[in-house]
């Protein structure tokens, strides 16, 4: 019986000593390696930080998506042209094929292209009295531009002869402004000589006074 008690007491002491030894070893290790058992916590913190960084990057993805949705001119876009006659005060509208140079442009880029056209219009447009052009409507389905024209009124005229009749030319002496039924031979000799050399008439008022005076 005494032997059993001694064995039990020995085992209890051994267990206590073993526990104390293990606890002491942990303390020593924690003293020399203080961050060893915090790695799991740090890993969790890094994961949270990464998740926050991903959340902060999401707006950039939204911006890229929004940029991809900016409307541009395509070959299927309706291209409407309004022609404004400033002399007559009239407006005519027509639908034309989209100019190849405009395909793929967004609104800002199209405005720049139209501005360049306005500053340097083709010679054909200038001859028609082109004044300016503006963009009045823009979407991926429909683009409307407005062109303004104002024919240049002649500043003076020349009375000349063609097939014995008086012909009125514009100031350039080559563009016919009006044919008349006035025969050269029916005019006074001095006036005939002036017209054969090219008689200058400074205004429409002066021209119509002449026509009223010598028309049959």
N, C-alpha and C. Protein backbone atom coordinates (compact mmCIF):
# COMPACT_ATOMS: atom_id res chain seq x y z
N UNK A 1 0.84 -1.20 0.00
CA UNK A 1 0.00 0.00 0.00
C UNK A 1 0.88 1.24 0.00
N UNK A 2 1.88 1.25 0.87
CA UNK A 2 2.81 2.36 0.90
C UNK A 2 3.54 2.51 -0.42
N UNK A 3 3.82 1.38 -1.05
CA UNK A 3 4.50 1.41 -2.35
C UNK A 3 3.63 2.10 -3.40
N UNK A 4 2.35 1.80 -3.39
CA UNK A 4 1.41 2.41 -4.37
C UNK A 4 1.34 3.91 -4.15
N UNK A 5 1.29 4.37 -2.92
CA UNK A 5 1.23 5.79 -2.62
C UNK A 5 2.49 6.49 -3.08
N UNK A 6 3.63 5.84 -2.87
CA UNK A 6 4.88 6.44 -3.33
C UNK A 6 4.93 6.60 -4.84
N UNK A 7 4.44 5.54 -5.54
CA UNK A 7 4.42 5.60 -7.03
C UNK A 7 3.51 6.72 -7.50
N UNK A 8 2.34 6.86 -6.89
CA UNK A 8 1.36 7.90 -7.28
C UNK A 8 1.95 9.29 -7.03
N UNK A 9 2.60 9.43 -5.90
CA UNK A 9 3.19 10.73 -5.60
C UNK A 9 4.31 11.06 -6.56
N UNK A 10 5.08 10.08 -6.93
CA UNK A 10 6.17 10.29 -7.90
C UNK A 10 5.64 10.71 -9.25
N UNK A 11 4.56 10.05 -9.70
CA UNK A 11 3.97 10.38 -11.01
C UNK A 11 3.39 11.79 -10.99
N UNK A 12 2.76 12.15 -9.87
CA UNK A 12 2.18 13.50 -9.78
C UNK A 12 3.27 14.55 -9.83
N UNK A 13 4.36 14.33 -9.12
CA UNK A 13 5.46 15.27 -9.17
C UNK A 13 6.07 15.36 -10.56
N UNK A 14 6.17 14.20 -11.23
CA UNK A 14 6.75 14.19 -12.60
C UNK A 14 5.88 15.00 -13.55
N UNK A 15 4.57 14.85 -13.40
CA UNK A 15 3.65 15.59 -14.29
C UNK A 15 3.76 17.08 -14.06
N UNK A 16 3.81 17.47 -12.78
CA UNK A 16 3.94 18.91 -12.46
C UNK A 16 5.24 19.46 -13.00
N UNK A 17 6.34 18.72 -12.82
CA UNK A 17 7.62 19.18 -13.31
C UNK A 17 7.63 19.29 -14.84
N UNK A 18 7.00 18.31 -15.50
CA UNK A 18 6.94 18.33 -16.96
C UNK A 18 6.16 19.55 -17.45
N UNK A 19 5.04 19.84 -16.76
CA UNK A 19 4.23 21.00 -17.14
C UNK A 19 4.98 22.29 -16.95
N UNK A 20 5.66 22.38 -15.78
CA UNK A 20 6.43 23.59 -15.54
C UNK A 20 7.55 23.75 -16.56
N UNK A 21 8.17 22.62 -16.92
CA UNK A 21 9.25 22.69 -17.91
C UNK A 21 8.74 23.16 -19.27
N UNK A 22 7.58 22.61 -19.67
CA UNK A 22 7.01 23.03 -20.97
C UNK A 22 6.62 24.49 -20.97
N UNK A 23 6.01 24.95 -19.88
CA UNK A 23 5.60 26.36 -19.79
C UNK A 23 6.81 27.28 -19.85
N UNK A 24 7.86 26.86 -19.13
CA UNK A 24 9.09 27.65 -19.15
C UNK A 24 9.71 27.70 -20.53
N UNK A 25 9.68 26.55 -21.25
CA UNK A 25 10.24 26.52 -22.61
C UNK A 25 9.48 27.47 -23.54
N UNK A 26 8.16 27.51 -23.41
CA UNK A 26 7.35 28.42 -24.25
C UNK A 26 7.68 29.87 -23.96
N UNK A 27 7.85 30.21 -22.70
CA UNK A 27 8.18 31.57 -22.32
C UNK A 27 9.52 31.99 -22.90
N UNK A 28 10.50 31.04 -22.79
CA UNK A 28 11.83 31.34 -23.33
C UNK A 28 11.76 31.55 -24.83
N UNK A 29 11.04 30.67 -25.51
CA UNK A 29 10.93 30.77 -26.97
C UNK A 29 10.20 32.05 -27.37
N UNK A 30 9.17 32.41 -26.60
CA UNK A 30 8.42 33.64 -26.90
C UNK A 30 9.28 34.87 -26.67
N UNK A 31 10.23 34.75 -25.69
CA UNK A 31 11.11 35.86 -25.41
C UNK A 31 12.07 36.12 -26.56
N UNK A 32 12.64 35.00 -27.09
CA UNK A 32 13.60 35.13 -28.19
C UNK A 32 12.94 35.24 -29.55
N UNK A 33 11.73 34.72 -29.71
CA UNK A 33 11.01 34.78 -31.00
C UNK A 33 9.61 35.36 -30.74
N UNK A 34 9.51 36.64 -30.48
CA UNK A 34 8.23 37.22 -30.04
C UNK A 34 7.15 37.20 -31.11
N UNK A 35 7.49 37.19 -32.40
CA UNK A 35 6.48 37.28 -33.47
C UNK A 35 6.13 35.95 -34.11
N UNK A 36 6.68 34.90 -33.51
CA UNK A 36 6.50 33.59 -34.15
C UNK A 36 5.05 33.17 -34.19
N UNK A 37 4.31 33.48 -33.12
CA UNK A 37 2.92 33.01 -33.05
C UNK A 37 1.92 34.08 -33.48
N UNK A 38 2.44 35.16 -34.13
CA UNK A 38 1.54 36.20 -34.63
C UNK A 38 1.43 36.16 -36.14
N UNK A 39 2.07 35.20 -36.77
CA UNK A 39 2.04 35.14 -38.23
C UNK A 39 0.64 34.93 -38.76
N UNK A 40 -0.10 34.12 -38.08
CA UNK A 40 -1.48 33.87 -38.55
C UNK A 40 -2.28 35.15 -38.54
N UNK A 41 -2.08 35.96 -37.47
CA UNK A 41 -2.79 37.24 -37.38
C UNK A 41 -2.33 38.18 -38.46
N UNK A 42 -0.98 38.21 -38.70
CA UNK A 42 -0.46 39.08 -39.75
C UNK A 42 -0.97 38.65 -41.11
N UNK A 43 -1.03 37.36 -41.35
CA UNK A 43 -1.54 36.85 -42.63
C UNK A 43 -2.96 37.29 -42.85
N UNK A 44 -3.72 37.26 -41.74
CA UNK A 44 -5.11 37.70 -41.85
C UNK A 44 -5.18 39.19 -42.16
N UNK A 45 -4.28 39.98 -41.54
CA UNK A 45 -4.26 41.42 -41.79
C UNK A 45 -3.89 41.71 -43.24
N UNK A 46 -2.89 40.95 -43.75
CA UNK A 46 -2.50 41.15 -45.15
C UNK A 46 -3.65 40.81 -46.08
N UNK A 47 -4.40 39.77 -45.75
CA UNK A 47 -5.54 39.39 -46.59
C UNK A 47 -6.58 40.50 -46.59
N UNK A 48 -6.85 41.08 -45.40
CA UNK A 48 -7.82 42.18 -45.31
C UNK A 48 -7.32 43.37 -46.11
N UNK A 49 -6.00 43.66 -46.01
CA UNK A 49 -5.42 44.78 -46.75
C UNK A 49 -5.57 44.56 -48.26
N UNK A 50 -5.30 43.32 -48.71
CA UNK A 50 -5.45 43.01 -50.13
C UNK A 50 -6.87 43.20 -50.59
N UNK A 51 -7.84 42.77 -49.74
CA UNK A 51 -9.25 42.93 -50.11
C UNK A 51 -9.61 44.41 -50.23
N UNK A 52 -9.10 45.23 -49.29
CA UNK A 52 -9.37 46.65 -49.37
C UNK A 52 -8.76 47.26 -50.62
N UNK A 53 -7.53 46.81 -50.96
CA UNK A 53 -6.87 47.33 -52.16
C UNK A 53 -7.65 46.97 -53.41
N UNK A 54 -8.21 45.76 -53.45
CA UNK A 54 -9.03 45.37 -54.59
C UNK A 54 -10.28 46.23 -54.68
N UNK A 55 -10.86 46.54 -53.49
CA UNK A 55 -12.05 47.38 -53.49
C UNK A 55 -11.72 48.79 -54.00
N UNK A 56 -10.51 49.30 -53.64
CA UNK A 56 -10.12 50.62 -54.11
C UNK A 56 -9.86 50.63 -55.60
N UNK A 57 -9.44 49.49 -56.16
CA UNK A 57 -9.17 49.42 -57.59
C UNK A 57 -10.43 49.27 -58.42
N UNK A 58 -11.53 48.92 -57.82
CA UNK A 58 -12.77 48.71 -58.57
C UNK A 58 -13.24 49.96 -59.30
N UNK A 59 -13.14 51.20 -58.72
CA UNK A 59 -13.57 52.38 -59.47
C UNK A 59 -12.85 52.55 -60.79
N UNK A 60 -11.54 52.18 -60.86
CA UNK A 60 -10.80 52.28 -62.11
C UNK A 60 -11.43 51.39 -63.17
N UNK A 61 -11.87 50.22 -62.76
CA UNK A 61 -12.52 49.33 -63.71
C UNK A 61 -13.83 49.93 -64.20
N UNK A 62 -14.53 50.62 -63.30
CA UNK A 62 -15.78 51.27 -63.69
C UNK A 62 -15.51 52.37 -64.69
N UNK A 63 -14.43 53.15 -64.46
CA UNK A 63 -14.07 54.23 -65.38
C UNK A 63 -13.75 53.67 -66.75
N UNK A 64 -12.99 52.57 -66.80
CA UNK A 64 -12.65 51.97 -68.08
C UNK A 64 -13.90 51.51 -68.81
N UNK A 65 -14.84 50.95 -68.08
CA UNK A 65 -16.08 50.49 -68.70
C UNK A 65 -16.86 51.66 -69.24
N UNK A 66 -16.90 52.77 -68.47
CA UNK A 66 -17.62 53.96 -68.92
C UNK A 66 -17.00 54.53 -70.19
N UNK A 67 -15.64 54.52 -70.24
CA UNK A 67 -14.96 55.03 -71.42
C UNK A 67 -15.28 54.19 -72.64
N UNK A 68 -15.45 52.90 -72.44
CA UNK A 68 -15.76 52.02 -73.57
C UNK A 68 -17.16 52.28 -74.11
N UNK A 69 -18.03 52.90 -73.29
CA UNK A 69 -19.41 53.16 -73.70
C UNK A 69 -19.59 54.51 -74.37
N UNK A 70 -18.52 55.30 -74.55
CA UNK A 70 -18.63 56.61 -75.21
C UNK A 70 -19.07 56.40 -76.66
N UNK A 71 -20.15 57.05 -77.10
CA UNK A 71 -20.64 56.85 -78.47
C UNK A 71 -19.68 57.41 -79.51
N UNK A 72 -19.57 56.73 -80.62
CA UNK A 72 -18.74 57.18 -81.73
C UNK A 72 -19.53 57.06 -83.02
N UNK A 73 -19.08 57.76 -84.04
CA UNK A 73 -19.71 57.70 -85.35
C UNK A 73 -19.35 56.37 -86.02
N UNK A 74 -20.36 55.71 -86.58
CA UNK A 74 -20.12 54.46 -87.30
C UNK A 74 -20.67 54.59 -88.72
N UNK A 75 -20.43 53.56 -89.52
CA UNK A 75 -20.94 53.57 -90.89
C UNK A 75 -22.47 53.52 -90.92
N UNK A 76 -23.09 53.07 -89.83
CA UNK A 76 -24.55 52.98 -89.75
C UNK A 76 -25.19 54.24 -89.17
N UNK A 77 -24.37 55.20 -88.72
CA UNK A 77 -24.92 56.43 -88.16
C UNK A 77 -25.58 57.26 -89.25
N UNK A 78 -26.78 57.77 -88.99
CA UNK A 78 -27.46 58.66 -89.94
C UNK A 78 -26.76 60.01 -89.93
N UNK A 79 -26.41 60.49 -91.13
CA UNK A 79 -25.67 61.75 -91.25
C UNK A 79 -26.56 62.75 -91.98
N UNK A 80 -27.13 63.69 -91.22
CA UNK A 80 -28.05 64.67 -91.77
C UNK A 80 -27.35 66.02 -91.92
N UNK A 81 -27.58 66.67 -93.08
CA UNK A 81 -26.96 67.96 -93.36
C UNK A 81 -28.05 68.99 -93.61
N UNK A 82 -28.03 70.06 -92.82
CA UNK A 82 -28.96 71.17 -93.01
C UNK A 82 -28.22 72.29 -93.74
N UNK A 83 -28.79 72.73 -94.88
CA UNK A 83 -28.19 73.79 -95.68
C UNK A 83 -28.99 75.07 -95.47
N UNK A 84 -28.33 76.08 -94.94
CA UNK A 84 -29.00 77.35 -94.65
C UNK A 84 -28.55 78.40 -95.66
N UNK A 85 -29.52 78.92 -96.42
CA UNK A 85 -29.25 79.99 -97.39
C UNK A 85 -29.50 81.32 -96.68
N UNK A 86 -28.43 82.02 -96.34
CA UNK A 86 -28.55 83.27 -95.61
C UNK A 86 -29.14 84.38 -96.47
N UNK A 87 -29.00 84.29 -97.78
CA UNK A 87 -29.58 85.29 -98.65
C UNK A 87 -31.10 85.17 -98.72
N UNK A 88 -31.57 83.92 -98.85
CA UNK A 88 -33.00 83.68 -98.99
C UNK A 88 -33.68 83.40 -97.66
N UNK A 89 -32.90 83.06 -96.64
CA UNK A 89 -33.48 82.73 -95.35
C UNK A 89 -34.19 81.38 -95.35
N UNK A 90 -33.68 80.44 -96.13
CA UNK A 90 -34.31 79.12 -96.24
C UNK A 90 -33.38 78.04 -95.68
N UNK A 91 -34.00 76.92 -95.30
CA UNK A 91 -33.25 75.77 -94.77
C UNK A 91 -33.72 74.52 -95.49
N UNK A 92 -32.78 73.77 -96.02
CA UNK A 92 -33.10 72.48 -96.65
C UNK A 92 -32.28 71.40 -95.95
N UNK A 93 -32.89 70.23 -95.80
CA UNK A 93 -32.23 69.13 -95.09
C UNK A 93 -32.08 67.94 -96.02
N UNK A 94 -30.95 67.29 -95.95
CA UNK A 94 -30.71 66.09 -96.75
C UNK A 94 -29.91 65.09 -95.93
N UNK A 95 -30.05 63.81 -96.27
CA UNK A 95 -29.28 62.76 -95.60
C UNK A 95 -28.19 62.28 -96.55
N UNK A 96 -26.98 62.24 -96.06
CA UNK A 96 -25.84 61.85 -96.86
C UNK A 96 -25.10 60.69 -96.20
N UNK A 97 -24.22 60.06 -96.98
CA UNK A 97 -23.37 59.01 -96.41
C UNK A 97 -22.38 59.65 -95.44
N UNK A 98 -22.09 58.95 -94.36
CA UNK A 98 -21.13 59.48 -93.39
C UNK A 98 -19.75 59.61 -94.04
N UNK A 99 -19.14 60.79 -94.01
CA UNK A 99 -17.76 60.91 -94.53
C UNK A 99 -16.84 59.91 -93.84
N UNK A 100 -16.02 59.25 -94.63
CA UNK A 100 -15.14 58.22 -94.09
C UNK A 100 -14.25 58.78 -92.98
N UNK A 101 -13.83 60.03 -93.12
CA UNK A 101 -12.93 60.63 -92.14
C UNK A 101 -13.58 60.79 -90.77
N UNK A 102 -14.93 60.74 -90.71
CA UNK A 102 -15.64 60.92 -89.45
C UNK A 102 -15.90 59.61 -88.72
N UNK A 103 -15.78 58.48 -89.39
CA UNK A 103 -16.10 57.20 -88.78
C UNK A 103 -15.09 56.88 -87.67
N UNK A 104 -15.61 56.49 -86.51
CA UNK A 104 -14.77 56.15 -85.37
C UNK A 104 -14.51 57.31 -84.43
N UNK A 105 -15.01 58.51 -84.77
CA UNK A 105 -14.77 59.68 -83.92
C UNK A 105 -15.86 59.82 -82.87
N UNK A 106 -15.47 60.23 -81.65
CA UNK A 106 -16.46 60.59 -80.65
C UNK A 106 -16.84 62.06 -80.84
N UNK A 107 -17.68 62.58 -79.94
CA UNK A 107 -18.20 63.93 -80.14
C UNK A 107 -17.09 64.98 -80.16
N UNK A 108 -16.16 64.89 -79.21
CA UNK A 108 -15.09 65.88 -79.14
C UNK A 108 -14.21 65.82 -80.38
N UNK A 109 -13.90 64.62 -80.82
CA UNK A 109 -13.05 64.46 -82.01
C UNK A 109 -13.77 64.95 -83.26
N UNK A 110 -15.08 64.72 -83.33
CA UNK A 110 -15.85 65.20 -84.48
C UNK A 110 -15.89 66.72 -84.50
N UNK A 111 -16.03 67.33 -83.34
CA UNK A 111 -16.02 68.79 -83.26
C UNK A 111 -14.69 69.35 -83.79
N UNK A 112 -13.59 68.68 -83.45
CA UNK A 112 -12.29 69.13 -83.94
C UNK A 112 -12.20 69.00 -85.46
N UNK A 113 -12.72 67.89 -86.01
CA UNK A 113 -12.69 67.68 -87.45
C UNK A 113 -13.54 68.72 -88.18
N UNK A 114 -14.71 69.04 -87.62
CA UNK A 114 -15.59 70.03 -88.23
C UNK A 114 -14.96 71.42 -88.15
N UNK A 115 -14.28 71.71 -87.05
CA UNK A 115 -13.59 72.99 -86.91
C UNK A 115 -12.50 73.14 -87.97
N UNK A 116 -11.77 72.06 -88.24
CA UNK A 116 -10.74 72.10 -89.28
C UNK A 116 -11.37 72.33 -90.66
N UNK A 117 -12.53 71.69 -90.90
CA UNK A 117 -13.25 71.88 -92.17
C UNK A 117 -13.69 73.33 -92.30
N UNK A 118 -14.17 73.92 -91.20
CA UNK A 118 -14.65 75.29 -91.21
C UNK A 118 -13.54 76.27 -91.54
N UNK A 119 -12.33 76.01 -91.03
CA UNK A 119 -11.21 76.91 -91.26
C UNK A 119 -10.62 76.76 -92.66
N UNK A 120 -10.78 75.59 -93.26
CA UNK A 120 -10.20 75.36 -94.58
C UNK A 120 -11.19 74.59 -95.46
N UNK A 121 -12.31 75.22 -95.87
CA UNK A 121 -13.31 74.52 -96.67
C UNK A 121 -12.80 74.24 -98.08
N UNK A 122 -13.32 73.20 -98.73
CA UNK A 122 -12.92 72.91 -100.11
C UNK A 122 -13.27 74.07 -101.03
N UNK A 123 -12.57 74.17 -102.16
CA UNK A 123 -12.79 75.25 -103.12
C UNK A 123 -14.24 75.24 -103.61
N UNK A 124 -14.80 74.03 -103.82
CA UNK A 124 -16.18 73.92 -104.28
C UNK A 124 -17.14 74.58 -103.31
N UNK A 125 -16.89 74.42 -102.00
CA UNK A 125 -17.74 75.04 -101.00
C UNK A 125 -17.59 76.57 -101.03
N UNK A 126 -16.38 77.03 -101.21
CA UNK A 126 -16.15 78.48 -101.26
C UNK A 126 -16.87 79.11 -102.44
N UNK A 127 -16.89 78.41 -103.56
CA UNK A 127 -17.57 78.92 -104.75
C UNK A 127 -19.08 79.01 -104.54
N UNK A 128 -19.60 78.15 -103.67
CA UNK A 128 -21.04 78.17 -103.38
C UNK A 128 -21.39 79.22 -102.32
N UNK A 129 -20.40 79.90 -101.78
CA UNK A 129 -20.65 80.93 -100.78
C UNK A 129 -20.62 80.40 -99.36
N UNK A 130 -19.84 79.35 -99.13
CA UNK A 130 -19.76 78.75 -97.80
C UNK A 130 -19.32 79.78 -96.76
N UNK A 131 -20.07 79.81 -95.64
CA UNK A 131 -19.75 80.73 -94.55
C UNK A 131 -19.18 79.99 -93.35
N UNK A 132 -19.90 79.00 -92.85
CA UNK A 132 -19.45 78.26 -91.68
C UNK A 132 -20.23 76.95 -91.55
N UNK A 133 -19.79 76.10 -90.62
CA UNK A 133 -20.44 74.82 -90.36
C UNK A 133 -20.44 74.57 -88.85
N UNK A 134 -21.49 73.92 -88.35
CA UNK A 134 -21.54 73.60 -86.93
C UNK A 134 -22.23 72.26 -86.70
N UNK A 135 -21.85 71.60 -85.60
CA UNK A 135 -22.48 70.35 -85.19
C UNK A 135 -23.66 70.69 -84.30
N UNK A 136 -24.88 70.27 -84.70
CA UNK A 136 -26.07 70.62 -83.92
C UNK A 136 -26.64 69.44 -83.15
N UNK A 137 -26.27 68.21 -83.51
CA UNK A 137 -26.77 67.04 -82.79
C UNK A 137 -25.79 65.90 -82.96
N UNK A 138 -25.58 65.14 -81.86
CA UNK A 138 -24.64 64.01 -81.92
C UNK A 138 -25.12 62.85 -81.06
N UNK A 139 -25.16 61.67 -81.65
CA UNK A 139 -25.37 60.41 -80.96
C UNK A 139 -24.81 59.33 -81.86
N UNK A 140 -24.71 58.09 -81.32
CA UNK A 140 -24.17 57.01 -82.14
C UNK A 140 -25.11 56.66 -83.30
N UNK A 141 -26.39 57.04 -83.18
CA UNK A 141 -27.38 56.71 -84.20
C UNK A 141 -27.63 57.85 -85.19
N UNK A 142 -27.34 59.11 -84.76
CA UNK A 142 -27.73 60.25 -85.60
C UNK A 142 -26.81 61.44 -85.35
N UNK A 143 -26.29 61.98 -86.46
CA UNK A 143 -25.45 63.17 -86.40
C UNK A 143 -26.05 64.21 -87.33
N UNK A 144 -26.16 65.45 -86.84
CA UNK A 144 -26.70 66.54 -87.66
C UNK A 144 -25.69 67.67 -87.70
N UNK A 145 -25.34 68.10 -88.91
CA UNK A 145 -24.47 69.26 -89.07
C UNK A 145 -25.23 70.32 -89.87
N UNK A 146 -24.90 71.56 -89.61
CA UNK A 146 -25.57 72.67 -90.27
C UNK A 146 -24.52 73.49 -91.02
N UNK A 147 -24.76 73.69 -92.34
CA UNK A 147 -23.85 74.48 -93.16
C UNK A 147 -24.56 75.77 -93.57
N UNK A 148 -23.83 76.87 -93.46
CA UNK A 148 -24.39 78.17 -93.81
C UNK A 148 -23.72 78.70 -95.08
N UNK A 149 -24.57 79.20 -96.00
CA UNK A 149 -24.08 79.73 -97.28
C UNK A 149 -24.62 81.14 -97.49
N UNK A 150 -23.79 81.97 -98.08
CA UNK A 150 -24.22 83.32 -98.45
C UNK A 150 -23.51 83.70 -99.74
N UNK A 151 -24.30 83.74 -100.80
CA UNK A 151 -23.71 84.07 -102.08
C UNK A 151 -23.23 85.52 -102.08
N UNK A 152 -22.04 85.68 -102.59
CA UNK A 152 -21.46 87.01 -102.65
C UNK A 152 -22.12 87.82 -103.75
N UNK A 153 -22.71 88.93 -103.39
CA UNK A 153 -23.37 89.79 -104.37
C UNK A 153 -22.31 90.58 -105.14
N UNK A 154 -22.46 90.62 -106.43
CA UNK A 154 -21.47 91.35 -107.23
C UNK A 154 -21.43 92.83 -106.85
N UNK A 155 -20.22 93.36 -106.80
CA UNK A 155 -20.07 94.76 -106.41
C UNK A 155 -20.21 95.69 -107.60
N UNK A 156 -20.02 95.18 -108.78
CA UNK A 156 -20.14 96.02 -109.98
C UNK A 156 -20.38 95.15 -111.20
N UNK A 157 -20.66 95.77 -112.34
CA UNK A 157 -20.99 95.04 -113.56
C UNK A 157 -20.27 95.69 -114.75
N UNK A 158 -20.20 94.92 -115.82
CA UNK A 158 -19.67 95.43 -117.07
C UNK A 158 -20.69 95.17 -118.17
N UNK A 159 -20.95 96.22 -118.98
CA UNK A 159 -21.80 96.09 -120.15
C UNK A 159 -20.90 95.80 -121.35
N UNK A 160 -21.18 94.66 -122.01
CA UNK A 160 -20.35 94.25 -123.13
C UNK A 160 -21.27 93.78 -124.26
N UNK A 161 -20.66 93.37 -125.35
CA UNK A 161 -21.44 93.01 -126.54
C UNK A 161 -21.21 91.55 -126.88
N UNK A 162 -22.32 90.87 -127.24
CA UNK A 162 -22.26 89.49 -127.73
C UNK A 162 -23.35 89.32 -128.77
N UNK A 163 -22.93 89.03 -130.01
CA UNK A 163 -23.88 88.86 -131.13
C UNK A 163 -24.78 90.08 -131.29
N UNK A 164 -24.19 91.27 -131.21
CA UNK A 164 -24.87 92.55 -131.43
C UNK A 164 -25.81 92.96 -130.29
N UNK A 165 -25.90 92.16 -129.25
CA UNK A 165 -26.76 92.49 -128.12
C UNK A 165 -25.90 92.83 -126.89
N UNK A 166 -26.49 93.66 -126.04
CA UNK A 166 -25.80 94.03 -124.81
C UNK A 166 -25.92 92.89 -123.80
N UNK A 167 -24.80 92.50 -123.22
CA UNK A 167 -24.76 91.46 -122.20
C UNK A 167 -24.14 92.05 -120.94
N UNK A 168 -24.74 91.74 -119.81
CA UNK A 168 -24.24 92.23 -118.53
C UNK A 168 -23.37 91.15 -117.89
N UNK A 169 -22.12 91.51 -117.60
CA UNK A 169 -21.18 90.59 -116.96
C UNK A 169 -20.94 91.04 -115.52
N UNK A 170 -20.57 90.08 -114.69
CA UNK A 170 -20.19 90.42 -113.33
C UNK A 170 -18.82 91.10 -113.34
N UNK A 171 -18.37 91.48 -112.18
CA UNK A 171 -17.16 92.28 -112.07
C UNK A 171 -15.93 91.57 -112.62
N UNK A 172 -15.97 90.23 -112.68
CA UNK A 172 -14.81 89.50 -113.20
C UNK A 172 -14.71 89.53 -114.72
N UNK A 173 -15.73 90.13 -115.38
CA UNK A 173 -15.78 90.28 -116.85
C UNK A 173 -15.86 88.95 -117.60
N UNK A 174 -16.12 87.86 -116.89
CA UNK A 174 -16.23 86.56 -117.56
C UNK A 174 -17.52 85.83 -117.19
N UNK A 175 -18.14 86.16 -116.08
CA UNK A 175 -19.37 85.50 -115.64
C UNK A 175 -20.57 86.33 -116.08
N UNK A 176 -21.45 85.71 -116.88
CA UNK A 176 -22.62 86.44 -117.37
C UNK A 176 -23.63 86.62 -116.24
N UNK A 177 -24.02 87.85 -116.02
CA UNK A 177 -25.01 88.15 -115.00
C UNK A 177 -26.41 88.23 -115.62
N UNK A 178 -26.48 88.74 -116.83
CA UNK A 178 -27.79 88.89 -117.47
C UNK A 178 -27.63 89.11 -118.98
N UNK A 179 -28.49 88.48 -119.77
CA UNK A 179 -28.60 88.78 -121.20
C UNK A 179 -29.74 89.79 -121.40
N UNK A 180 -29.57 90.68 -122.34
CA UNK A 180 -30.62 91.68 -122.61
C UNK A 180 -31.03 91.60 -124.09
N UNK A 181 -32.13 92.32 -124.40
CA UNK A 181 -32.60 92.39 -125.79
C UNK A 181 -32.26 93.74 -126.41
N UNK A 182 -31.25 94.42 -125.84
CA UNK A 182 -30.86 95.74 -126.33
C UNK A 182 -29.81 95.58 -127.43
N UNK A 183 -30.12 96.07 -128.64
CA UNK A 183 -29.17 96.01 -129.75
C UNK A 183 -28.16 97.13 -129.63
N UNK A 184 -26.91 96.80 -129.87
CA UNK A 184 -25.85 97.81 -129.76
C UNK A 184 -26.08 98.94 -130.76
N UNK A 185 -26.54 98.60 -131.96
CA UNK A 185 -26.68 99.60 -133.02
C UNK A 185 -27.72 100.66 -132.70
N UNK A 186 -28.61 100.38 -131.75
CA UNK A 186 -29.66 101.34 -131.42
C UNK A 186 -29.21 102.36 -130.37
N UNK A 187 -28.00 102.22 -129.86
CA UNK A 187 -27.49 103.11 -128.82
C UNK A 187 -26.71 104.27 -129.45
N UNK A 188 -26.57 105.35 -128.75
CA UNK A 188 -25.75 106.46 -129.25
C UNK A 188 -24.32 106.01 -129.51
N UNK A 189 -23.66 106.66 -130.49
CA UNK A 189 -22.32 106.23 -130.90
C UNK A 189 -21.32 106.23 -129.73
N UNK A 190 -21.36 107.30 -128.93
CA UNK A 190 -20.42 107.38 -127.80
C UNK A 190 -20.65 106.23 -126.81
N UNK A 191 -21.91 105.89 -126.58
CA UNK A 191 -22.22 104.80 -125.65
C UNK A 191 -21.82 103.45 -126.24
N UNK A 192 -21.96 103.33 -127.58
CA UNK A 192 -21.54 102.08 -128.25
C UNK A 192 -20.04 101.85 -128.04
N UNK A 193 -19.25 102.94 -128.19
CA UNK A 193 -17.80 102.80 -128.02
C UNK A 193 -17.46 102.38 -126.58
N UNK A 194 -18.15 102.95 -125.62
CA UNK A 194 -17.90 102.59 -124.22
C UNK A 194 -18.21 101.11 -123.96
N UNK A 195 -19.35 100.65 -124.52
CA UNK A 195 -19.77 99.27 -124.27
C UNK A 195 -18.85 98.29 -124.98
N UNK A 196 -18.38 98.66 -126.20
CA UNK A 196 -17.47 97.77 -126.93
C UNK A 196 -16.14 97.62 -126.18
N UNK A 197 -15.76 98.63 -125.43
CA UNK A 197 -14.55 98.55 -124.63
C UNK A 197 -14.82 97.93 -123.26
N UNK A 198 -16.10 97.86 -122.89
CA UNK A 198 -16.48 97.32 -121.59
C UNK A 198 -16.85 98.44 -120.65
N UNK A 199 -18.14 98.78 -120.60
CA UNK A 199 -18.59 99.90 -119.77
C UNK A 199 -18.86 99.41 -118.35
N UNK A 200 -18.22 100.05 -117.37
CA UNK A 200 -18.39 99.65 -115.98
C UNK A 200 -19.62 100.32 -115.38
N UNK A 201 -20.44 99.49 -114.66
CA UNK A 201 -21.61 99.98 -113.94
C UNK A 201 -21.39 99.64 -112.48
N UNK A 202 -21.45 100.62 -111.61
CA UNK A 202 -21.00 100.44 -110.23
C UNK A 202 -21.98 99.71 -109.34
N UNK A 203 -23.29 99.73 -109.66
CA UNK A 203 -24.28 99.15 -108.76
C UNK A 203 -25.47 98.59 -109.53
N UNK A 204 -26.28 97.82 -108.82
CA UNK A 204 -27.49 97.29 -109.45
C UNK A 204 -28.45 98.42 -109.79
N UNK A 205 -28.50 99.40 -108.94
CA UNK A 205 -29.41 100.52 -109.20
C UNK A 205 -29.06 101.21 -110.52
N UNK A 206 -27.77 101.47 -110.71
CA UNK A 206 -27.32 102.10 -111.95
C UNK A 206 -27.57 101.19 -113.15
N UNK A 207 -27.39 99.90 -112.96
CA UNK A 207 -27.63 98.94 -114.05
C UNK A 207 -29.09 98.97 -114.48
N UNK A 208 -30.00 98.91 -113.53
CA UNK A 208 -31.42 98.85 -113.89
C UNK A 208 -31.91 100.18 -114.47
N UNK A 209 -31.30 101.28 -114.08
CA UNK A 209 -31.63 102.55 -114.72
C UNK A 209 -31.25 102.53 -116.19
N UNK A 210 -30.08 101.94 -116.50
CA UNK A 210 -29.66 101.82 -117.88
C UNK A 210 -30.61 100.92 -118.67
N UNK A 211 -30.97 99.77 -118.08
CA UNK A 211 -31.84 98.82 -118.78
C UNK A 211 -33.23 99.44 -119.04
N UNK A 212 -33.74 100.18 -118.09
CA UNK A 212 -35.05 100.81 -118.26
C UNK A 212 -35.00 101.89 -119.36
N UNK A 213 -33.85 102.52 -119.45
CA UNK A 213 -33.73 103.61 -120.43
C UNK A 213 -33.61 103.11 -121.85
N UNK A 214 -33.01 101.94 -122.06
CA UNK A 214 -32.71 101.52 -123.44
C UNK A 214 -33.42 100.24 -123.85
N UNK A 215 -34.19 99.64 -122.97
CA UNK A 215 -34.93 98.45 -123.35
C UNK A 215 -36.11 98.85 -124.23
N UNK A 216 -36.45 97.98 -125.21
CA UNK A 216 -37.55 98.30 -126.14
C UNK A 216 -38.89 97.98 -125.52
